[in-house]
């Protein structure tokens, strides 16, 4: 099993959810996040004072999938989250040792 963490633009979240559902992935966690990288920040003016906004709003999507679905999941996220511009985000793939569904105590891939 692998945990896929994708940092994406908030405007792409619904499209990512729809695409993941279409390939048979029905569970994910989405967290509001802020970050910075090559996209850099921008300058804003508030009440006559200029200040730099370094952190950009992002969404962190977390999905745990069987090894067989990793490539398909990554392709689905890239397909809808990619605009070709700086700030599209990143995807990280992390090994998962165990998964347990609390309600039924199922473990392993059955818990997904």
C-alpha atoms as a PDB file:
ATOM      1  CA  UNK A   1       0.000   0.000   0.000  1.00  0.00           C
ATOM      2  CA  UNK A   2       1.076   3.552  -0.626  1.00  0.00           C
ATOM      3  CA  UNK A   3      -0.072   6.910   0.700  1.00  0.00           C
ATOM      4  CA  UNK A   4      -0.240   9.559  -1.996  1.00  0.00           C
ATOM      5  CA  UNK A   5      -0.033  13.163  -0.835  1.00  0.00           C
ATOM      6  CA  UNK A   6      -0.791  15.766  -3.468  1.00  0.00           C
ATOM      7  CA  UNK A   7      -0.426  19.498  -2.912  1.00  0.00           C
ATOM      8  CA  UNK A   8      -2.695  21.204  -5.447  1.00  0.00           C
ATOM      9  CA  UNK A   9      -4.434  24.491  -6.175  1.00  0.00           C
ATOM     10  CA  UNK A  10      -7.752  24.797  -4.322  1.00  0.00           C
ATOM     11  CA  UNK A  11      -9.584  25.462  -7.599  1.00  0.00           C
ATOM     12  CA  UNK A  12      -8.663  21.943  -8.801  1.00  0.00           C
ATOM     13  CA  UNK A  13      -9.994  20.005  -5.786  1.00  0.00           C
ATOM     14  CA  UNK A  14     -13.448  19.171  -7.173  1.00  0.00           C
ATOM     15  CA  UNK A  15     -11.949  18.059 -10.492  1.00  0.00           C
ATOM     16  CA  UNK A  16      -9.445  15.826  -8.692  1.00  0.00           C
ATOM     17  CA  UNK A  17     -12.235  14.284  -6.593  1.00  0.00           C
ATOM     18  CA  UNK A  18     -14.340  13.619  -9.689  1.00  0.00           C
ATOM     19  CA  UNK A  19     -11.409  12.064 -11.565  1.00  0.00           C
ATOM     20  CA  UNK A  20     -10.431   9.842  -8.622  1.00  0.00           C
ATOM     21  CA  UNK A  21     -14.025   8.665  -8.266  1.00  0.00           C
ATOM     22  CA  UNK A  22     -14.101   7.794 -11.979  1.00  0.00           C
ATOM     23  CA  UNK A  23     -11.138   5.414 -11.535  1.00  0.00           C
ATOM     24  CA  UNK A  24     -12.671   3.717  -8.497  1.00  0.00           C
ATOM     25  CA  UNK A  25     -11.160   5.636  -5.593  1.00  0.00           C
ATOM     26  CA  UNK A  26     -13.930   6.657  -3.218  1.00  0.00           C
ATOM     27  CA  UNK A  27     -12.048   7.927  -0.180  1.00  0.00           C
ATOM     28  CA  UNK A  28      -9.659  10.813   0.337  1.00  0.00           C
ATOM     29  CA  UNK A  29      -8.774  13.464   2.869  1.00  0.00           C
ATOM     30  CA  UNK A  30      -8.426  17.110   1.867  1.00  0.00           C
ATOM     31  CA  UNK A  31      -6.777  19.680   4.113  1.00  0.00           C
ATOM     32  CA  UNK A  32      -6.452  23.415   3.627  1.00  0.00           C
ATOM     33  CA  UNK A  33      -2.794  24.388   3.541  1.00  0.00           C
ATOM     34  CA  UNK A  34      -0.505  27.300   2.825  1.00  0.00           C
ATOM     35  CA  UNK A  35       2.892  27.064   1.235  1.00  0.00           C
ATOM     36  CA  UNK A  36       5.508  28.698  -0.888  1.00  0.00           C
ATOM     37  CA  UNK A  37       7.998  27.597  -3.479  1.00  0.00           C
ATOM     38  CA  UNK A  38       8.877  28.729  -6.966  1.00  0.00           C
ATOM     39  CA  UNK A  39       5.506  30.446  -7.282  1.00  0.00           C
ATOM     40  CA  UNK A  40       6.733  33.057  -4.801  1.00  0.00           C
ATOM     41  CA  UNK A  41       4.417  35.505  -3.117  1.00  0.00           C
ATOM     42  CA  UNK A  42       2.945  38.793  -4.170  1.00  0.00           C
ATOM     43  CA  UNK A  43       2.698  42.308  -2.768  1.00  0.00           C
ATOM     44  CA  UNK A  44      -0.596  43.664  -1.450  1.00  0.00           C
ATOM     45  CA  UNK A  45      -1.595  47.018  -0.049  1.00  0.00           C
ATOM     46  CA  UNK A  46      -3.755  47.281   3.057  1.00  0.00           C
ATOM     47  CA  UNK A  47      -4.712  50.697   4.408  1.00  0.00           C
ATOM     48  CA  UNK A  48      -1.856  52.333   2.585  1.00  0.00           C
ATOM     49  CA  UNK A  49       0.831  49.910   3.738  1.00  0.00           C
ATOM     50  CA  UNK A  50       2.475  47.434   1.394  1.00  0.00           C
ATOM     51  CA  UNK A  51       3.220  43.944   2.590  1.00  0.00           C
ATOM     52  CA  UNK A  52       4.378  40.703   0.984  1.00  0.00           C
ATOM     53  CA  UNK A  53       2.161  37.641   1.032  1.00  0.00           C
ATOM     54  CA  UNK A  54       4.635  34.733   0.862  1.00  0.00           C
ATOM     55  CA  UNK A  55       2.341  31.807   1.540  1.00  0.00           C
ATOM     56  CA  UNK A  56      -0.142  30.805  -1.156  1.00  0.00           C
ATOM     57  CA  UNK A  57      -3.357  28.889  -0.400  1.00  0.00           C
ATOM     58  CA  UNK A  58      -3.151  25.210  -1.369  1.00  0.00           C
ATOM     59  CA  UNK A  59      -5.014  21.985  -0.676  1.00  0.00           C
ATOM     60  CA  UNK A  60      -3.281  18.829   0.517  1.00  0.00           C
ATOM     61  CA  UNK A  61      -5.042  15.681  -0.680  1.00  0.00           C
ATOM     62  CA  UNK A  62      -4.194  12.371   1.001  1.00  0.00           C
ATOM     63  CA  UNK A  63      -5.177   9.017  -0.505  1.00  0.00           C
ATOM     64  CA  UNK A  64      -4.045   5.525   0.500  1.00  0.00           C
ATOM     65  CA  UNK A  65      -4.249   2.984  -2.314  1.00  0.00           C
ATOM     66  CA  UNK A  66      -3.106  -0.569  -3.078  1.00  0.00           C
ATOM     67  CA  UNK A  67       0.218  -0.747  -4.935  1.00  0.00           C
ATOM     68  CA  UNK A  68      -1.613  -1.711  -8.143  1.00  0.00           C
ATOM     69  CA  UNK A  69      -3.470   1.646  -8.230  1.00  0.00           C
ATOM     70  CA  UNK A  70      -0.546   3.991  -7.534  1.00  0.00           C
ATOM     71  CA  UNK A  71       0.334   4.832 -11.153  1.00  0.00           C
ATOM     72  CA  UNK A  72      -3.324   5.201 -12.137  1.00  0.00           C
ATOM     73  CA  UNK A  73      -3.987   7.516  -9.167  1.00  0.00           C
ATOM     74  CA  UNK A  74      -0.986   9.717  -9.924  1.00  0.00           C
ATOM     75  CA  UNK A  75      -1.967   9.945 -13.598  1.00  0.00           C
ATOM     76  CA  UNK A  76      -5.516  10.962 -12.642  1.00  0.00           C
ATOM     77  CA  UNK A  77      -4.308  13.735 -10.334  1.00  0.00           C
ATOM     78  CA  UNK A  78      -1.808  15.077 -12.866  1.00  0.00           C
ATOM     79  CA  UNK A  79      -4.429  14.961 -15.633  1.00  0.00           C
ATOM     80  CA  UNK A  80      -6.763  17.421 -13.890  1.00  0.00           C
ATOM     81  CA  UNK A  81      -4.417  19.416 -11.628  1.00  0.00           C
ATOM     82  CA  UNK A  82      -1.832  20.318 -14.270  1.00  0.00           C
ATOM     83  CA  UNK A  83      -2.068  23.751 -15.895  1.00  0.00           C
ATOM     84  CA  UNK A  84       1.566  23.968 -16.972  1.00  0.00           C
ATOM     85  CA  UNK A  85       2.153  27.015 -14.784  1.00  0.00           C
ATOM     86  CA  UNK A  86       4.306  27.468 -11.696  1.00  0.00           C
ATOM     87  CA  UNK A  87       2.296  26.545  -8.610  1.00  0.00           C
ATOM     88  CA  UNK A  88       0.523  23.446  -9.950  1.00  0.00           C
ATOM     89  CA  UNK A  89       1.804  21.519  -6.923  1.00  0.00           C
ATOM     90  CA  UNK A  90       3.607  18.307  -6.085  1.00  0.00           C
ATOM     91  CA  UNK A  91       2.807  14.639  -5.484  1.00  0.00           C
ATOM     92  CA  UNK A  92       4.577  12.496  -2.880  1.00  0.00           C
ATOM     93  CA  UNK A  93       4.322   8.696  -2.617  1.00  0.00           C
ATOM     94  CA  UNK A  94       4.956   7.179   0.811  1.00  0.00           C
ATOM     95  CA  UNK A  95       4.970   3.475   1.814  1.00  0.00           C
ATOM     96  CA  UNK A  96       2.251   2.428   4.281  1.00  0.00           C
ATOM     97  CA  UNK A  97       2.989  -0.414   6.683  1.00  0.00           C
ATOM     98  CA  UNK A  98      -0.548  -1.061   7.855  1.00  0.00           C
ATOM     99  CA  UNK A  99      -4.124   0.159   7.607  1.00  0.00           C
ATOM    100  CA  UNK A 100      -6.902  -0.742  10.029  1.00  0.00           C
ATOM    101  CA  UNK A 101     -10.586   0.112   9.676  1.00  0.00           C
ATOM    102  CA  UNK A 102     -11.666   0.936  13.211  1.00  0.00           C
ATOM    103  CA  UNK A 103     -15.346   0.000  12.785  1.00  0.00           C
ATOM    104  CA  UNK A 104     -14.755  -3.568  11.547  1.00  0.00           C
ATOM    105  CA  UNK A 105     -11.124  -4.081  12.549  1.00  0.00           C
ATOM    106  CA  UNK A 106     -10.306  -5.120   8.976  1.00  0.00           C
ATOM    107  CA  UNK A 107      -6.637  -4.651   8.141  1.00  0.00           C
ATOM    108  CA  UNK A 108      -4.412  -4.319   5.114  1.00  0.00           C
ATOM    109  CA  UNK A 109      -5.904  -3.548   1.705  1.00  0.00           C
ATOM    110  CA  UNK A 110      -9.337  -4.710   2.918  1.00  0.00           C
ATOM    111  CA  UNK A 111      -9.374  -1.687   5.231  1.00  0.00           C
ATOM    112  CA  UNK A 112      -9.040   0.726   2.324  1.00  0.00           C
END
